[in-house]
Amino acid sequence: MHIRLLIRDLALIIIGAIIGACIYHAVFLHQVQELTMRNLDLQDKLSHYQAENEDLIRYKNQSAVIKSISVHIYEQQKQDIPAAEEAVLKKKLLKDLSGMKGRSVFQIDEYTKLIEGLLTSKVYTNINEHSYTVSVRTMLVAEGVLHVWVDARLQLPTAP
């Protein structure tokens, strides 16, 4: 009888240790995932600020040109775009819009038509195995910064 109680108590201790280890592991993985996402976000911001710094140095003596571009993304269908996919989408948009840097702000209406033609219902593929359709919502130039607001919509896969 005494051995049976000892085995039961030992089994409870082992089960408790296993459950505690599982909980600790889940919390640890959650923290690692949060750190990974924060690291990706910070790397994206760093590369953006480095590129913006180079552009500001390049155009520091010109006052009426577009020196940098800022992209703002809206989700149309109330679906949250994951932060990693939004960062990749912004990089692709900034790459497409990089030709606007150094252009005169006084000819912005010509550039607006060009950008709307370039980004009207454009599909960006291979963003973490998803595709997004992008359309220009609004554009604004203030103090040498071109602000572009776009609508991003997840493109659903079609059945073959």
Protein backbone atom coordinates (compact mmCIF):
# COMPACT_ATOMS: atom_id res chain seq x y z
CA MET A 1 0.00 0.00 0.00
CA HIS A 2 2.84 2.35 0.87
CA ILE A 3 4.57 1.71 -2.49
CA ARG A 4 1.33 2.44 -4.37
CA LEU A 5 1.05 5.89 -2.73
CA LEU A 6 4.69 6.58 -3.46
CA ILE A 7 4.24 5.67 -7.14
CA ARG A 8 1.08 7.85 -7.36
CA ASP A 9 2.90 10.83 -5.83
CA LEU A 10 5.87 10.31 -8.12
CA ALA A 11 3.55 10.11 -11.15
CA LEU A 12 1.87 13.39 -10.12
CA ILE A 13 5.25 15.08 -9.79
CA ILE A 14 6.35 13.84 -13.22
CA ILE A 15 3.06 14.91 -14.84
CA GLY A 16 3.33 18.32 -13.17
CA ALA A 17 6.88 18.71 -14.44
CA ILE A 18 5.83 17.80 -17.98
CA ILE A 19 2.89 20.23 -17.93
CA GLY A 20 5.12 22.97 -16.49
CA ALA A 21 7.74 22.35 -19.17
CA CYS A 22 5.05 22.55 -21.88
CA ILE A 23 3.75 25.86 -20.52
CA TYR A 24 7.28 27.26 -20.21
CA HIS A 25 8.07 26.16 -23.76
CA ALA A 26 4.90 27.80 -25.13
CA VAL A 27 5.71 31.08 -23.38
CA PHE A 28 9.31 30.91 -24.61
CA LEU A 29 8.24 30.31 -28.23
CA HIS A 30 5.78 33.20 -28.02
CA GLN A 31 8.54 35.52 -26.81
CA VAL A 32 10.91 34.34 -29.55
CA GLN A 33 8.23 34.97 -32.18
CA GLU A 34 7.58 38.47 -30.80
CA LEU A 35 11.31 39.23 -30.84
CA THR A 36 11.63 37.93 -34.39
CA MET A 37 8.76 40.13 -35.59
CA ARG A 38 10.20 43.15 -33.78
CA ASN A 39 13.63 42.44 -35.27
CA LEU A 40 12.17 42.29 -38.79
CA ASP A 41 10.32 45.54 -38.20
CA LEU A 42 13.44 47.26 -36.89
CA GLN A 43 15.55 45.96 -39.81
CA ASP A 44 12.95 47.31 -42.23
CA LYS A 45 12.95 50.69 -40.52
CA LEU A 46 16.77 50.78 -40.48
CA SER A 47 17.05 50.06 -44.21
CA HIS A 48 14.32 52.64 -44.94
CA TYR A 49 16.06 55.30 -42.84
CA GLN A 50 19.45 54.55 -44.39
CA ALA A 51 18.02 54.92 -47.89
CA GLU A 52 16.18 58.08 -46.86
CA ASN A 53 19.39 59.49 -45.35
CA GLU A 54 21.31 58.85 -48.59
CA ASP A 55 18.58 60.57 -50.59
CA LEU A 56 18.49 63.56 -48.25
CA ILE A 57 22.26 63.94 -48.55
CA ARG A 58 22.04 63.64 -52.36
CA TYR A 59 19.31 66.32 -52.67
CA LYS A 60 20.26 68.60 -49.76
CA ASN A 61 21.02 71.60 -52.01
CA GLN A 62 17.81 71.30 -54.04
CA SER A 63 14.72 72.68 -52.36
CA ALA A 64 11.92 71.92 -54.80
CA VAL A 65 12.44 68.22 -55.46
CA ILE A 66 11.03 65.03 -54.01
CA LYS A 67 13.68 63.87 -51.55
CA SER A 68 11.98 60.86 -50.02
CA ILE A 69 8.86 58.73 -50.35
CA SER A 70 6.56 57.54 -47.60
CA VAL A 71 4.06 54.74 -48.30
CA HIS A 72 0.97 54.20 -46.16
CA ILE A 73 -1.07 51.01 -46.67
CA TYR A 74 -4.79 50.57 -46.06
CA GLU A 75 -6.46 47.17 -45.98
CA GLN A 76 -9.76 47.36 -47.85
CA GLN A 77 -11.63 44.33 -46.54
CA LYS A 78 -10.82 44.68 -42.81
CA GLN A 79 -8.26 41.90 -43.08
CA ASP A 80 -5.07 42.54 -41.22
CA ILE A 81 -1.95 42.23 -43.31
CA PRO A 82 0.76 40.58 -41.22
CA ALA A 83 3.60 42.94 -40.34
CA ALA A 84 6.20 40.94 -42.27
CA GLU A 85 4.06 40.94 -45.44
CA GLU A 86 3.31 44.64 -45.05
CA ALA A 87 7.03 45.38 -44.80
CA VAL A 88 7.76 43.41 -47.99
CA LEU A 89 4.86 45.11 -49.78
CA LYS A 90 6.14 48.54 -48.73
CA LYS A 91 9.64 47.67 -49.98
CA LYS A 92 8.23 46.66 -53.37
CA LEU A 93 6.13 49.84 -53.56
CA LEU A 94 9.10 52.01 -52.61
CA LYS A 95 11.18 50.28 -55.28
CA ASP A 96 8.49 50.99 -57.91
CA LEU A 97 8.20 54.61 -56.78
CA SER A 98 11.95 55.25 -56.45
CA GLY A 99 12.00 56.87 -59.88
CA MET A 100 10.11 59.80 -58.39
CA LYS A 101 13.03 60.86 -56.19
CA GLY A 102 14.84 63.92 -57.49
CA ARG A 103 11.87 65.05 -59.60
CA SER A 104 10.51 68.58 -59.35
CA VAL A 105 7.48 69.09 -57.10
CA PHE A 106 6.12 71.66 -59.55
CA GLN A 107 5.35 68.93 -62.09
CA ILE A 108 3.56 66.70 -59.60
CA ASP A 109 0.35 66.47 -61.64
CA GLU A 110 2.23 64.69 -64.45
CA TYR A 111 3.78 62.31 -61.95
CA THR A 112 0.42 61.65 -60.32
CA LYS A 113 -1.00 60.40 -63.60
CA LEU A 114 2.10 58.29 -64.12
CA ILE A 115 1.90 56.75 -60.64
CA GLU A 116 -1.84 56.08 -60.91
CA GLY A 117 -1.23 54.37 -64.24
CA LEU A 118 1.63 52.39 -62.73
CA LEU A 119 -0.17 51.30 -59.57
CA THR A 120 -3.81 51.02 -60.62
CA SER A 121 -4.84 47.47 -59.73
CA LYS A 122 -1.25 46.27 -59.79
CA VAL A 123 -0.74 42.77 -58.39
CA TYR A 124 2.28 42.09 -56.19
CA THR A 125 2.96 38.37 -56.02
CA ASN A 126 5.20 36.14 -53.91
CA ILE A 127 4.78 38.04 -50.68
CA ASN A 128 5.04 35.11 -48.26
CA GLU A 129 3.00 32.97 -50.66
CA HIS A 130 0.26 35.61 -50.99
CA SER A 131 -0.65 38.11 -53.69
CA TYR A 132 -1.92 41.64 -53.09
CA THR A 133 -3.72 44.02 -55.43
CA VAL A 134 -2.70 47.65 -54.89
CA SER A 135 -4.45 50.85 -55.96
CA VAL A 136 -3.49 54.47 -55.23
CA ARG A 137 -5.84 56.25 -52.86
CA THR A 138 -4.16 59.63 -52.27
CA MET A 139 -0.86 61.38 -52.91
CA LEU A 140 0.59 64.42 -51.21
CA VAL A 141 3.92 66.25 -51.39
CA ALA A 142 4.98 68.13 -48.27
CA GLU A 143 8.47 69.50 -47.59
CA GLY A 144 10.11 67.29 -50.20
CA VAL A 145 8.40 64.09 -49.03
CA LEU A 146 5.99 62.30 -51.35
CA HIS A 147 3.31 60.61 -49.24
CA VAL A 148 1.41 57.88 -51.06
CA TRP A 149 -1.63 56.18 -49.54
CA VAL A 150 -2.59 52.92 -51.22
CA ASP A 151 -5.32 50.33 -50.81
CA ALA A 152 -4.02 46.79 -50.47
CA ARG A 153 -6.36 43.87 -50.98
CA LEU A 154 -5.46 40.23 -50.56
CA GLN A 155 -5.99 38.47 -53.86
CA LEU A 156 -7.72 35.18 -53.31
CA PRO A 157 -6.43 32.21 -55.27
CA THR A 158 -8.61 31.09 -58.14
CA ALA A 159 -9.61 27.49 -58.68
CA PRO A 160 -8.18 25.89 -61.84
